[in-house]
Amino acid sequence: MPEFVDRIYIVNDASSDKTPEIISELARSDKRIIIINHSTRSGAGSASISGLKQALLENIDLVATMDGDGQMFPSLLSRFLDPIIMGKADCSKGSRLSQLEDKREMPTFRLFGNIMLTYLTRMASGYWHISDPQNGYMAISQETLRKIDLDNIDSGFAFENDILVKLNVVSARVVNIPHPAIYRGQTSKIAYPSFILQTSWILLKDFAWRLSKKYLFKKQPIS
């Protein structure tokens, strides 16, 4: 993790392997590490939400999320932070679909599912330029993060899709950050057919919610 990072929140979502021992050892050698333990398995989105909430409690100016599967290199973190620091974005989102050479590294079925969910998420969120919505590599400013109700975001694998809808409602500027797809023979725990159906239903509700918030029941300025 780059030296400019002030805090490293590692969320243990009730892991049944040696995760607690490993991260405890890491925390002894790196004082930036704060361990957040879930007593019961809560879901991938819930883990991200716990980390984001802790960052808000500590008034961290810029917060980044990375999945623990080794596919997101900390060495690329400055790519995500720079647009926000320069005032060009409020949130930056990783994309493995923006460049052809990155797409080639993604398994065919996962690529198909990701492209399908990209178009559904674009419709639901209103961010027509965003790709690879399942990507958990993200950076966001504290100011923007405080505008979002973190308790109202999906706590499962649809977290990344759902938060984009919430970001649009608060008029956040979101940019794509291209980066490689790294798999090394890994298999996903996501059952994609059922996941796509479940996420599509969430996005349909999100689409209706966004329209109602931004257009039907928009607060009018007091003259």
Protein backbone atom coordinates (compact mmCIF):
# COMPACT_ATOMS: atom_id res chain seq x y z
CA MET A 1 0.00 0.00 0.00
CA PRO A 2 1.46 3.43 -0.96
CA GLU A 3 3.02 5.49 1.84
CA PHE A 4 0.61 8.40 1.26
CA VAL A 5 -2.28 6.26 2.56
CA ASP A 6 -3.08 7.28 6.15
CA ARG A 7 -5.45 4.45 7.09
CA ILE A 8 -5.96 0.90 5.85
CA TYR A 9 -9.29 -0.62 6.87
CA ILE A 10 -9.35 -4.39 6.52
CA VAL A 11 -12.85 -5.80 6.91
CA ASN A 12 -13.08 -9.42 8.02
CA ASP A 13 -16.56 -10.55 7.01
CA ALA A 14 -16.65 -13.49 9.47
CA SER A 15 -14.00 -15.40 7.52
CA SER A 16 -13.66 -19.08 8.43
CA ASP A 17 -10.06 -19.41 7.19
CA LYS A 18 -6.84 -17.86 8.56
CA THR A 19 -7.82 -14.31 7.65
CA PRO A 20 -8.06 -13.10 11.31
CA GLU A 21 -4.58 -14.39 12.14
CA ILE A 22 -3.02 -13.01 8.96
CA ILE A 23 -4.47 -9.51 9.26
CA SER A 24 -3.65 -9.34 12.98
CA GLU A 25 -0.02 -10.09 12.11
CA LEU A 26 -0.09 -7.41 9.41
CA ALA A 27 -1.54 -4.87 11.85
CA ARG A 28 1.37 -5.42 14.22
CA SER A 29 3.85 -4.41 11.52
CA ASP A 30 1.80 -1.61 9.91
CA LYS A 31 0.17 0.78 12.38
CA ARG A 32 -2.05 2.26 9.66
CA ILE A 33 -4.15 -0.90 9.64
CA ILE A 34 -7.51 -0.85 11.40
CA ILE A 35 -9.28 -4.22 11.57
CA ILE A 36 -13.07 -4.32 11.35
CA ASN A 37 -14.56 -7.70 12.30
CA HIS A 38 -18.09 -8.84 11.40
CA SER A 39 -19.49 -11.39 13.84
CA THR A 40 -21.63 -12.95 11.09
CA ARG A 41 -21.21 -13.15 7.31
CA SER A 42 -22.90 -10.03 5.96
CA GLY A 43 -21.95 -9.85 2.29
CA ALA A 44 -19.42 -8.15 0.03
CA GLY A 45 -21.31 -4.85 0.00
CA SER A 46 -21.67 -4.87 3.76
CA ALA A 47 -17.90 -5.15 4.12
CA SER A 48 -17.37 -2.11 1.89
CA ILE A 49 -20.03 -0.15 3.79
CA SER A 50 -18.35 -0.90 7.13
CA GLY A 51 -15.06 0.45 5.82
CA LEU A 52 -16.68 3.57 4.36
CA LYS A 53 -18.49 4.30 7.62
CA GLN A 54 -15.26 3.99 9.60
CA ALA A 55 -13.52 6.35 7.19
CA LEU A 56 -16.28 8.92 7.76
CA LEU A 57 -15.90 8.56 11.52
CA GLU A 58 -12.21 9.39 11.15
CA ASN A 59 -12.85 12.25 8.69
CA ILE A 60 -10.74 10.74 5.92
CA ASP A 61 -10.74 13.18 3.00
CA LEU A 62 -10.52 10.60 0.19
CA VAL A 63 -11.62 7.00 0.56
CA ALA A 64 -10.82 4.11 -1.77
CA THR A 65 -12.24 0.59 -1.80
CA MET A 66 -10.39 -2.50 -3.03
CA ASP A 67 -11.60 -6.09 -3.04
CA GLY A 68 -9.48 -8.66 -1.27
CA ASP A 69 -9.09 -10.99 -4.26
CA GLY A 70 -5.75 -9.68 -5.49
CA GLN A 71 -7.20 -8.19 -8.69
CA MET A 72 -6.77 -4.56 -7.67
CA PHE A 73 -3.23 -3.23 -7.46
CA PRO A 74 -2.60 -0.58 -4.76
CA SER A 75 0.15 0.77 -7.04
CA LEU A 76 -2.62 2.14 -9.30
CA LEU A 77 -4.32 4.06 -6.50
CA SER A 78 -3.01 7.47 -7.58
CA ARG A 79 -4.90 7.05 -10.89
CA PHE A 80 -8.13 6.96 -8.91
CA LEU A 81 -7.29 9.81 -6.55
CA ASP A 82 -5.89 12.33 -9.06
CA PRO A 83 -9.20 13.26 -10.82
CA ILE A 84 -10.80 13.94 -7.42
CA ILE A 85 -7.82 15.91 -6.10
CA MET A 86 -7.76 17.99 -9.30
CA GLY A 87 -11.47 18.79 -8.93
CA LYS A 88 -12.48 16.94 -12.10
CA ALA A 89 -14.56 14.24 -10.37
CA ASP A 90 -16.25 13.35 -7.10
CA CYS A 91 -15.85 9.61 -7.57
CA SER A 92 -13.62 7.45 -9.76
CA LYS A 93 -14.55 3.92 -10.72
CA GLY A 94 -12.32 1.13 -12.05
CA SER A 95 -13.08 -0.27 -15.48
CA ARG A 96 -11.69 -3.43 -17.09
CA LEU A 97 -13.87 -2.87 -20.16
CA SER A 98 -12.58 0.51 -21.34
CA GLN A 99 -9.60 -0.90 -23.23
CA LEU A 100 -9.52 -3.90 -25.60
CA GLU A 101 -6.39 -5.47 -24.09
CA ASP A 102 -8.01 -5.47 -20.64
CA LYS A 103 -11.21 -7.12 -21.93
CA ARG A 104 -9.22 -10.03 -23.37
CA GLU A 105 -8.07 -11.09 -19.90
CA MET A 106 -11.63 -11.54 -18.62
CA PRO A 107 -13.30 -14.99 -18.90
CA THR A 108 -15.85 -15.06 -21.75
CA PHE A 109 -18.97 -15.74 -19.69
CA ARG A 110 -18.03 -13.14 -17.10
CA LEU A 111 -17.36 -10.61 -19.86
CA PHE A 112 -20.81 -11.28 -21.35
CA GLY A 113 -22.51 -10.86 -17.97
CA ASN A 114 -20.52 -7.74 -17.20
CA ILE A 115 -21.41 -6.10 -20.51
CA MET A 116 -25.09 -6.91 -19.94
CA LEU A 117 -25.01 -5.42 -16.44
CA THR A 118 -23.10 -2.41 -17.76
CA TYR A 119 -26.05 -1.42 -19.98
CA LEU A 120 -28.63 -2.14 -17.28
CA THR A 121 -26.65 -0.08 -14.76
CA ARG A 122 -26.29 2.77 -17.23
CA MET A 123 -30.06 2.90 -17.62
CA ALA A 124 -30.71 2.68 -13.89
CA SER A 125 -28.03 5.15 -12.82
CA GLY A 126 -28.12 7.64 -15.67
CA TYR A 127 -24.32 7.42 -16.06
CA TRP A 128 -24.21 6.46 -19.73
CA HIS A 129 -20.41 6.62 -19.90
CA ILE A 130 -19.74 4.20 -17.03
CA SER A 131 -18.55 0.65 -17.80
CA ASP A 132 -17.71 -2.43 -15.72
CA PRO A 133 -20.14 -1.63 -12.87
CA GLN A 134 -19.17 -4.82 -10.96
CA ASN A 135 -15.71 -3.40 -10.37
CA GLY A 136 -15.06 -2.78 -6.67
CA TYR A 137 -12.03 -0.52 -7.18
CA MET A 138 -13.36 2.94 -6.39
CA ALA A 139 -12.34 6.26 -4.83
CA ILE A 140 -14.72 8.88 -3.49
CA SER A 141 -14.44 12.20 -1.67
CA GLN A 142 -15.63 12.55 1.90
CA GLU A 143 -17.94 15.39 0.87
CA THR A 144 -19.72 13.19 -1.66
CA LEU A 145 -19.77 10.16 0.62
CA ARG A 146 -21.60 12.11 3.32
CA LYS A 147 -24.43 12.88 0.90
CA ILE A 148 -25.25 9.19 0.49
CA ASP A 149 -27.32 7.08 2.88
CA LEU A 150 -24.95 4.13 3.30
CA ASP A 151 -27.63 2.17 5.15
CA ASN A 152 -29.76 2.25 2.00
CA ILE A 153 -27.25 0.55 -0.32
CA ASP A 154 -27.35 -3.13 -1.25
CA SER A 155 -25.14 -5.15 1.11
CA GLY A 156 -24.48 -8.00 -1.35
CA PHE A 157 -22.69 -8.27 -4.69
CA ALA A 158 -24.92 -5.54 -6.21
CA PHE A 159 -23.30 -2.90 -3.99
CA GLU A 160 -21.25 -1.43 -6.86
CA ASN A 161 -24.31 -1.07 -9.11
CA ASP A 162 -26.53 0.34 -6.40
CA ILE A 163 -24.08 2.98 -5.19
CA LEU A 164 -23.85 4.42 -8.72
CA VAL A 165 -27.59 5.11 -8.67
CA LYS A 166 -27.24 6.83 -5.29
CA LEU A 167 -24.32 8.89 -6.60
CA ASN A 168 -26.36 10.12 -9.55
CA VAL A 169 -29.17 11.32 -7.30
CA VAL A 170 -26.70 13.57 -5.42
CA SER A 171 -25.30 14.77 -8.80
CA ALA A 172 -21.83 13.31 -8.24
CA ARG A 173 -19.35 13.41 -11.11
CA VAL A 174 -18.09 9.88 -11.80
CA VAL A 175 -15.23 8.92 -14.12
CA ASN A 176 -13.91 5.59 -15.45
CA ILE A 177 -10.36 4.58 -14.58
CA PRO A 178 -9.05 1.86 -16.93
CA HIS A 179 -7.00 -0.93 -15.35
CA PRO A 180 -6.09 -4.53 -16.20
CA ALA A 181 -8.25 -7.58 -15.47
CA ILE A 182 -6.23 -9.98 -13.32
CA TYR A 183 -7.57 -13.50 -12.77
CA ARG A 184 -4.70 -16.04 -12.59
CA GLY A 185 -7.12 -18.98 -12.76
CA GLN A 186 -9.36 -17.68 -9.96
CA THR A 187 -12.99 -18.78 -9.88
CA SER A 188 -15.71 -16.40 -8.75
CA LYS A 189 -18.09 -17.25 -5.92
CA ILE A 190 -20.85 -15.43 -7.81
CA ALA A 191 -23.46 -17.65 -9.51
CA TYR A 192 -23.82 -15.40 -12.54
CA PRO A 193 -27.23 -16.50 -13.94
CA SER A 194 -29.04 -15.93 -10.64
CA PHE A 195 -26.87 -12.89 -9.86
CA ILE A 196 -27.80 -11.21 -13.14
CA LEU A 197 -31.51 -11.82 -12.51
CA GLN A 198 -31.30 -10.58 -8.93
CA THR A 199 -29.25 -7.52 -9.85
CA SER A 200 -31.57 -6.72 -12.77
CA TRP A 201 -34.49 -6.58 -10.33
CA ILE A 202 -32.52 -4.30 -7.99
CA LEU A 203 -31.63 -2.03 -10.92
CA LEU A 204 -35.26 -1.86 -12.05
CA LYS A 205 -36.27 -0.64 -8.61
CA ASP A 206 -33.27 1.72 -8.58
CA PHE A 207 -34.35 3.19 -11.93
CA ALA A 208 -37.83 3.97 -10.59
CA TRP A 209 -36.37 5.35 -7.34
CA ARG A 210 -33.92 7.63 -9.19
CA LEU A 211 -36.63 9.03 -11.47
CA SER A 212 -38.89 9.76 -8.51
CA LYS A 213 -36.10 11.43 -6.55
CA LYS A 214 -34.65 13.54 -9.36
CA TYR A 215 -37.74 14.40 -11.39
CA LEU A 216 -41.12 13.50 -9.89
CA PHE A 217 -40.57 14.65 -6.33
CA LYS A 218 -37.72 17.07 -6.85
CA LYS A 219 -37.63 19.83 -4.27
CA GLN A 220 -38.34 23.20 -5.79
CA PRO A 221 -36.23 26.20 -4.74
CA ILE A 222 -37.99 28.74 -2.54
CA SER A 223 -38.27 32.11 -4.29
